[in-house]
């Protein structure tokens, strides 16, 4: 009977083995993107005091870092950092009210391009952005600041 080779799966894809955050970042192909992901991660945690958890998020986002405004696991997730090895992305929870308060004309093209295809479902949408430069990461942190400021504190 011939031997089958087992295809190597990245830690991001292996649902049955909980990875570490470091192993997820090590699997990302571009070191510059890893540095940008770390900056974004630091911005969400340090600048806004969010609680980070590593969670399995289903097929599209697999193992991702989730961010909540409270320490309780039952608190709503308001952001995801998806460490896809080919194209890491960030996803923000956006309510209809938050969307309405955004100064769309003042936002960068990168941010507007991420907002354009999103659809509101039950008053909430989840726009996604890929990031490739420090300017894009700064724009994303600023956007999250606008969203955070427009949301009443639930702590």
Protein backbone atom coordinates (compact mmCIF):
# COMPACT_ATOMS: atom_id res chain seq x y z
CA UNK A 1 0.00 0.00 0.00
CA UNK A 2 1.54 3.36 -1.00
CA UNK A 3 2.24 5.89 1.70
CA UNK A 4 0.32 9.09 1.63
CA UNK A 5 2.10 12.27 2.39
CA UNK A 6 0.29 14.52 4.78
CA UNK A 7 0.05 18.06 3.52
CA UNK A 8 1.42 20.57 5.98
CA UNK A 9 -1.26 22.91 7.27
CA UNK A 10 -0.42 26.30 8.63
CA UNK A 11 -1.28 26.83 12.30
CA UNK A 12 -3.91 29.33 11.11
CA UNK A 13 -5.88 26.58 9.35
CA UNK A 14 -5.62 23.73 11.87
CA UNK A 15 -8.85 23.90 13.83
CA UNK A 16 -7.94 21.04 16.14
CA UNK A 17 -4.63 22.40 17.40
CA UNK A 18 -4.67 25.70 19.24
CA UNK A 19 -1.73 27.78 17.98
CA UNK A 20 0.13 30.52 19.78
CA UNK A 21 -0.06 34.08 18.56
CA UNK A 22 3.64 33.89 17.75
CA UNK A 23 3.22 30.76 15.62
CA UNK A 24 0.47 32.52 13.66
CA UNK A 25 2.71 35.52 13.01
CA UNK A 26 5.66 33.30 12.09
CA UNK A 27 3.52 31.65 9.39
CA UNK A 28 2.91 34.98 7.63
CA UNK A 29 5.09 35.05 4.53
CA UNK A 30 6.17 38.71 4.57
CA UNK A 31 8.16 39.97 7.60
CA UNK A 32 7.17 43.59 6.88
CA UNK A 33 3.49 42.62 7.08
CA UNK A 34 4.17 40.86 10.40
CA UNK A 35 5.63 44.10 11.77
CA UNK A 36 2.56 46.00 10.57
CA UNK A 37 0.26 43.42 12.17
CA UNK A 38 2.12 43.86 15.47
CA UNK A 39 1.70 47.65 15.26
CA UNK A 40 -2.01 47.25 14.58
CA UNK A 41 -2.33 44.75 17.41
CA UNK A 42 -0.57 47.13 19.79
CA UNK A 43 -2.81 49.99 18.70
CA UNK A 44 -5.98 48.04 19.44
CA UNK A 45 -4.76 46.81 22.83
CA UNK A 46 -2.75 49.77 24.13
CA UNK A 47 -4.52 52.77 22.62
CA UNK A 48 -8.06 51.56 23.24
CA UNK A 49 -7.66 49.13 26.15
CA UNK A 50 -9.29 46.22 24.35
CA UNK A 51 -9.00 42.65 25.56
CA UNK A 52 -7.38 40.29 23.07
CA UNK A 53 -8.23 36.59 22.77
CA UNK A 54 -7.11 33.95 20.31
CA UNK A 55 -10.20 32.13 19.03
CA UNK A 56 -11.35 29.80 16.29
CA UNK A 57 -13.70 31.94 14.19
CA UNK A 58 -14.95 29.49 11.59
CA UNK A 59 -14.04 28.94 7.99
CA UNK A 60 -13.40 32.45 6.67
CA UNK A 61 -11.29 33.83 9.54
CA UNK A 62 -10.07 30.56 11.13
CA UNK A 63 -7.72 31.26 14.09
CA UNK A 64 -7.93 34.99 14.71
CA UNK A 65 -7.23 37.50 17.41
CA UNK A 66 -10.51 38.91 18.67
CA UNK A 67 -10.88 42.19 20.53
CA UNK A 68 -13.55 43.05 23.08
CA UNK A 69 -14.14 46.19 25.11
CA UNK A 70 -14.63 44.17 28.31
CA UNK A 71 -12.85 41.29 29.97
CA UNK A 72 -15.88 38.99 29.88
CA UNK A 73 -15.90 36.35 27.15
CA UNK A 74 -19.56 37.22 26.59
CA UNK A 75 -18.72 40.83 25.62
CA UNK A 76 -19.32 41.64 21.95
CA UNK A 77 -16.35 41.25 19.62
CA UNK A 78 -15.62 44.63 18.06
CA UNK A 79 -12.54 43.79 15.97
CA UNK A 80 -10.69 40.84 14.48
CA UNK A 81 -7.08 40.58 13.39
CA UNK A 82 -7.03 37.69 10.94
CA UNK A 83 -3.46 36.35 10.55
CA UNK A 84 -4.02 34.67 7.18
CA UNK A 85 -0.48 33.68 6.05
CA UNK A 86 -1.03 35.05 2.53
CA UNK A 87 -3.05 38.19 3.27
CA UNK A 88 -3.56 39.25 6.89
CA UNK A 89 -6.64 41.40 7.38
CA UNK A 90 -8.35 43.42 10.05
CA UNK A 91 -12.12 43.47 10.51
CA UNK A 92 -14.09 46.04 12.51
CA UNK A 93 -17.65 45.78 13.80
CA UNK A 94 -19.58 48.76 12.51
CA UNK A 95 -23.14 49.63 13.44
CA UNK A 96 -25.48 51.66 11.27
CA UNK A 97 -25.14 54.55 13.74
CA UNK A 98 -21.32 54.42 13.61
CA UNK A 99 -21.35 54.26 9.82
CA UNK A 100 -23.54 57.37 9.74
CA UNK A 101 -21.10 59.35 11.88
CA UNK A 102 -18.02 58.64 9.76
CA UNK A 103 -16.62 61.61 7.82
CA UNK A 104 -16.39 59.59 4.59
CA UNK A 105 -14.85 62.37 2.49
CA UNK A 106 -12.04 62.81 5.01
CA UNK A 107 -11.16 59.12 5.18
CA UNK A 108 -8.33 57.69 3.10
CA UNK A 109 -9.07 55.83 -0.09
CA UNK A 110 -7.90 52.59 1.55
CA UNK A 111 -10.54 52.98 4.27
CA UNK A 112 -13.30 53.98 1.84
CA UNK A 113 -12.45 51.01 -0.42
CA UNK A 114 -12.91 48.67 2.57
CA UNK A 115 -16.21 50.26 3.54
CA UNK A 116 -17.71 50.28 0.04
CA UNK A 117 -18.57 46.57 -0.39
CA UNK A 118 -19.94 46.02 3.12
CA UNK A 119 -23.61 45.39 3.67
CA UNK A 120 -25.61 46.10 6.79
CA UNK A 121 -27.32 43.05 8.23
CA UNK A 122 -29.49 43.66 11.28
CA UNK A 123 -27.82 47.04 11.74
CA UNK A 124 -24.24 45.68 11.79
CA UNK A 125 -21.56 45.19 9.14
CA UNK A 126 -18.04 43.76 9.23
CA UNK A 127 -15.80 45.60 6.72
CA UNK A 128 -12.41 43.98 6.06
CA UNK A 129 -9.10 45.58 5.16
CA UNK A 130 -5.84 44.10 4.00
CA UNK A 131 -2.83 46.21 4.95
CA UNK A 132 0.53 46.60 3.25
CA UNK A 133 1.99 49.86 4.54
CA UNK A 134 2.50 51.82 7.73
CA UNK A 135 0.16 54.54 6.41
CA UNK A 136 -2.64 52.02 5.95
CA UNK A 137 -2.16 50.73 9.50
CA UNK A 138 -2.21 54.29 10.87
CA UNK A 139 -5.41 54.95 8.92
CA UNK A 140 -6.97 51.79 10.40
CA UNK A 141 -6.00 52.78 13.96
CA UNK A 142 -7.43 56.28 13.36
CA UNK A 143 -10.64 54.76 11.97
CA UNK A 144 -10.95 52.55 15.02
CA UNK A 145 -10.46 55.66 17.17
CA UNK A 146 -13.38 57.33 15.37
CA UNK A 147 -15.53 54.25 15.87
CA UNK A 148 -14.48 53.93 19.51
CA UNK A 149 -15.30 57.59 20.17
CA UNK A 150 -18.74 57.19 18.55
CA UNK A 151 -19.64 54.21 20.75
CA UNK A 152 -20.91 54.71 24.29
CA UNK A 153 -18.78 52.84 26.83
CA UNK A 154 -20.24 49.52 28.00
CA UNK A 155 -17.65 48.77 30.67
